[in-house]
Amino acid sequence: MGTQFQIVLSGEDERALESAASYALDEVQRLDRQMSLYDPQSELSWVNAHAARATAKVEPGLYQVLERARRVQEETDGAFD
């Protein structure tokens, strides 16, 4: 993902905490596979390589991220692009 992160869990039910941590790590890995700029096989890399030439269909969650990024870029006059 090109960044560091930390998962901090609090509670007394060790099984529930382990399950939550596992779910969170699985989700991070899924997002990394989908949106990594370092992985030429990721969906985002595919979009970057093809969308300028033709319409690119993407998974709805990725579309929401890209649409939000476009709005932030517009709202900040390009400060965040």
C-alpha atoms as a PDB file:
ATOM      1  CA  MET A   1       0.000   0.000   0.000  1.00  0.00           C
ATOM      2  CA  GLY A   2       3.017   2.251   0.212  1.00  0.00           C
ATOM      3  CA  THR A   3       2.253   3.374   3.746  1.00  0.00           C
ATOM      4  CA  GLN A   4       2.314   2.163   7.320  1.00  0.00           C
ATOM      5  CA  PHE A   5      -0.707   1.566   9.491  1.00  0.00           C
ATOM      6  CA  GLN A   6      -1.493   0.201  12.898  1.00  0.00           C
ATOM      7  CA  ILE A   7      -4.571  -1.591  14.164  1.00  0.00           C
ATOM      8  CA  VAL A   8      -5.344  -0.983  17.826  1.00  0.00           C
ATOM      9  CA  LEU A   9      -8.134  -2.984  19.426  1.00  0.00           C
ATOM     10  CA  SER A  10      -9.556  -2.723  22.897  1.00  0.00           C
ATOM     11  CA  GLY A  11     -11.793  -5.136  24.730  1.00  0.00           C
ATOM     12  CA  GLU A  12     -11.921  -8.239  26.831  1.00  0.00           C
ATOM     13  CA  ASP A  13     -13.177 -10.864  24.381  1.00  0.00           C
ATOM     14  CA  GLU A  14      -9.922 -12.145  22.902  1.00  0.00           C
ATOM     15  CA  ARG A  15     -11.652 -14.186  20.190  1.00  0.00           C
ATOM     16  CA  ALA A  16     -13.722 -11.227  19.075  1.00  0.00           C
ATOM     17  CA  LEU A  17     -10.621  -9.020  18.996  1.00  0.00           C
ATOM     18  CA  GLU A  18      -8.678 -11.580  16.966  1.00  0.00           C
ATOM     19  CA  SER A  19     -11.606 -11.890  14.562  1.00  0.00           C
ATOM     20  CA  ALA A  20     -11.866  -8.118  14.196  1.00  0.00           C
ATOM     21  CA  ALA A  21      -8.120  -7.809  13.599  1.00  0.00           C
ATOM     22  CA  SER A  22      -8.217 -10.579  11.005  1.00  0.00           C
ATOM     23  CA  TYR A  23     -11.162  -8.948   9.226  1.00  0.00           C
ATOM     24  CA  ALA A  24      -9.417  -5.567   9.240  1.00  0.00           C
ATOM     25  CA  LEU A  25      -6.190  -7.016   7.815  1.00  0.00           C
ATOM     26  CA  ASP A  26      -8.137  -8.908   5.141  1.00  0.00           C
ATOM     27  CA  GLU A  27      -9.843  -5.667   4.133  1.00  0.00           C
ATOM     28  CA  VAL A  28      -6.528  -3.797   3.977  1.00  0.00           C
ATOM     29  CA  GLN A  29      -5.133  -6.535   1.736  1.00  0.00           C
ATOM     30  CA  ARG A  30      -8.240  -6.435  -0.495  1.00  0.00           C
ATOM     31  CA  LEU A  31      -7.970  -2.665  -0.874  1.00  0.00           C
ATOM     32  CA  ASP A  32      -4.257  -2.921  -1.571  1.00  0.00           C
ATOM     33  CA  ARG A  33      -4.870  -5.497  -4.319  1.00  0.00           C
ATOM     34  CA  GLN A  34      -7.532  -3.230  -5.800  1.00  0.00           C
ATOM     35  CA  MET A  35      -5.931   0.196  -5.470  1.00  0.00           C
ATOM     36  CA  SER A  36      -2.178  -0.288  -5.387  1.00  0.00           C
ATOM     37  CA  LEU A  37      -0.238   1.954  -7.721  1.00  0.00           C
ATOM     38  CA  TYR A  38       2.747  -0.360  -7.214  1.00  0.00           C
ATOM     39  CA  ASP A  39       0.964  -3.461  -8.523  1.00  0.00           C
ATOM     40  CA  PRO A  40       0.453  -3.429 -12.294  1.00  0.00           C
ATOM     41  CA  GLN A  41      -2.299  -6.045 -11.808  1.00  0.00           C
ATOM     42  CA  SER A  42      -4.446  -3.873  -9.513  1.00  0.00           C
ATOM     43  CA  GLU A  43      -7.754  -2.515 -10.751  1.00  0.00           C
ATOM     44  CA  LEU A  44      -6.551   1.050 -10.239  1.00  0.00           C
ATOM     45  CA  SER A  45      -3.420   0.410 -12.306  1.00  0.00           C
ATOM     46  CA  TRP A  46      -5.644  -0.994 -15.053  1.00  0.00           C
ATOM     47  CA  VAL A  47      -7.844   2.120 -14.936  1.00  0.00           C
ATOM     48  CA  ASN A  48      -4.780   4.372 -15.118  1.00  0.00           C
ATOM     49  CA  ALA A  49      -3.525   2.482 -18.151  1.00  0.00           C
ATOM     50  CA  HIS A  50      -6.827   2.304 -20.068  1.00  0.00           C
ATOM     51  CA  ALA A  51      -9.371   4.944 -18.994  1.00  0.00           C
ATOM     52  CA  ALA A  52      -7.891   7.757 -21.073  1.00  0.00           C
ATOM     53  CA  ARG A  53      -8.614   5.793 -24.258  1.00  0.00           C
ATOM     54  CA  ALA A  54     -11.994   4.231 -23.457  1.00  0.00           C
ATOM     55  CA  THR A  55     -14.674   3.913 -20.822  1.00  0.00           C
ATOM     56  CA  ALA A  56     -13.455   1.788 -17.941  1.00  0.00           C
ATOM     57  CA  LYS A  57     -15.947  -0.146 -15.833  1.00  0.00           C
ATOM     58  CA  VAL A  58     -14.848  -0.476 -12.226  1.00  0.00           C
ATOM     59  CA  GLU A  59     -16.175  -2.043  -9.058  1.00  0.00           C
ATOM     60  CA  PRO A  60     -18.713   0.293  -7.332  1.00  0.00           C
ATOM     61  CA  GLY A  61     -16.522   0.852  -4.262  1.00  0.00           C
ATOM     62  CA  LEU A  62     -13.579   1.941  -6.393  1.00  0.00           C
ATOM     63  CA  TYR A  63     -15.879   4.220  -8.388  1.00  0.00           C
ATOM     64  CA  GLN A  64     -16.986   5.911  -5.150  1.00  0.00           C
ATOM     65  CA  VAL A  65     -13.363   6.475  -4.120  1.00  0.00           C
ATOM     66  CA  LEU A  66     -12.451   7.912  -7.531  1.00  0.00           C
ATOM     67  CA  GLU A  67     -15.540  10.130  -7.602  1.00  0.00           C
ATOM     68  CA  ARG A  68     -14.784  11.467  -4.114  1.00  0.00           C
ATOM     69  CA  ALA A  69     -11.179  12.128  -5.113  1.00  0.00           C
ATOM     70  CA  ARG A  70     -12.394  14.068  -8.160  1.00  0.00           C
ATOM     71  CA  ARG A  71     -14.704  16.198  -5.988  1.00  0.00           C
ATOM     72  CA  VAL A  72     -11.945  16.920  -3.454  1.00  0.00           C
ATOM     73  CA  GLN A  73      -9.609  17.912  -6.289  1.00  0.00           C
ATOM     74  CA  GLU A  74     -12.228  20.328  -7.640  1.00  0.00           C
ATOM     75  CA  GLU A  75     -13.186  21.723  -4.223  1.00  0.00           C
ATOM     76  CA  THR A  76      -9.553  22.469  -3.357  1.00  0.00           C
ATOM     77  CA  ASP A  77      -8.610  23.851  -6.779  1.00  0.00           C
ATOM     78  CA  GLY A  78      -6.142  21.019  -7.215  1.00  0.00           C
ATOM     79  CA  ALA A  79      -4.441  21.273  -3.817  1.00  0.00           C
ATOM     80  CA  PHE A  80      -5.380  17.633  -3.327  1.00  0.00           C
ATOM     81  CA  ASP A  81      -5.188  15.698  -6.548  1.00  0.00           C
END
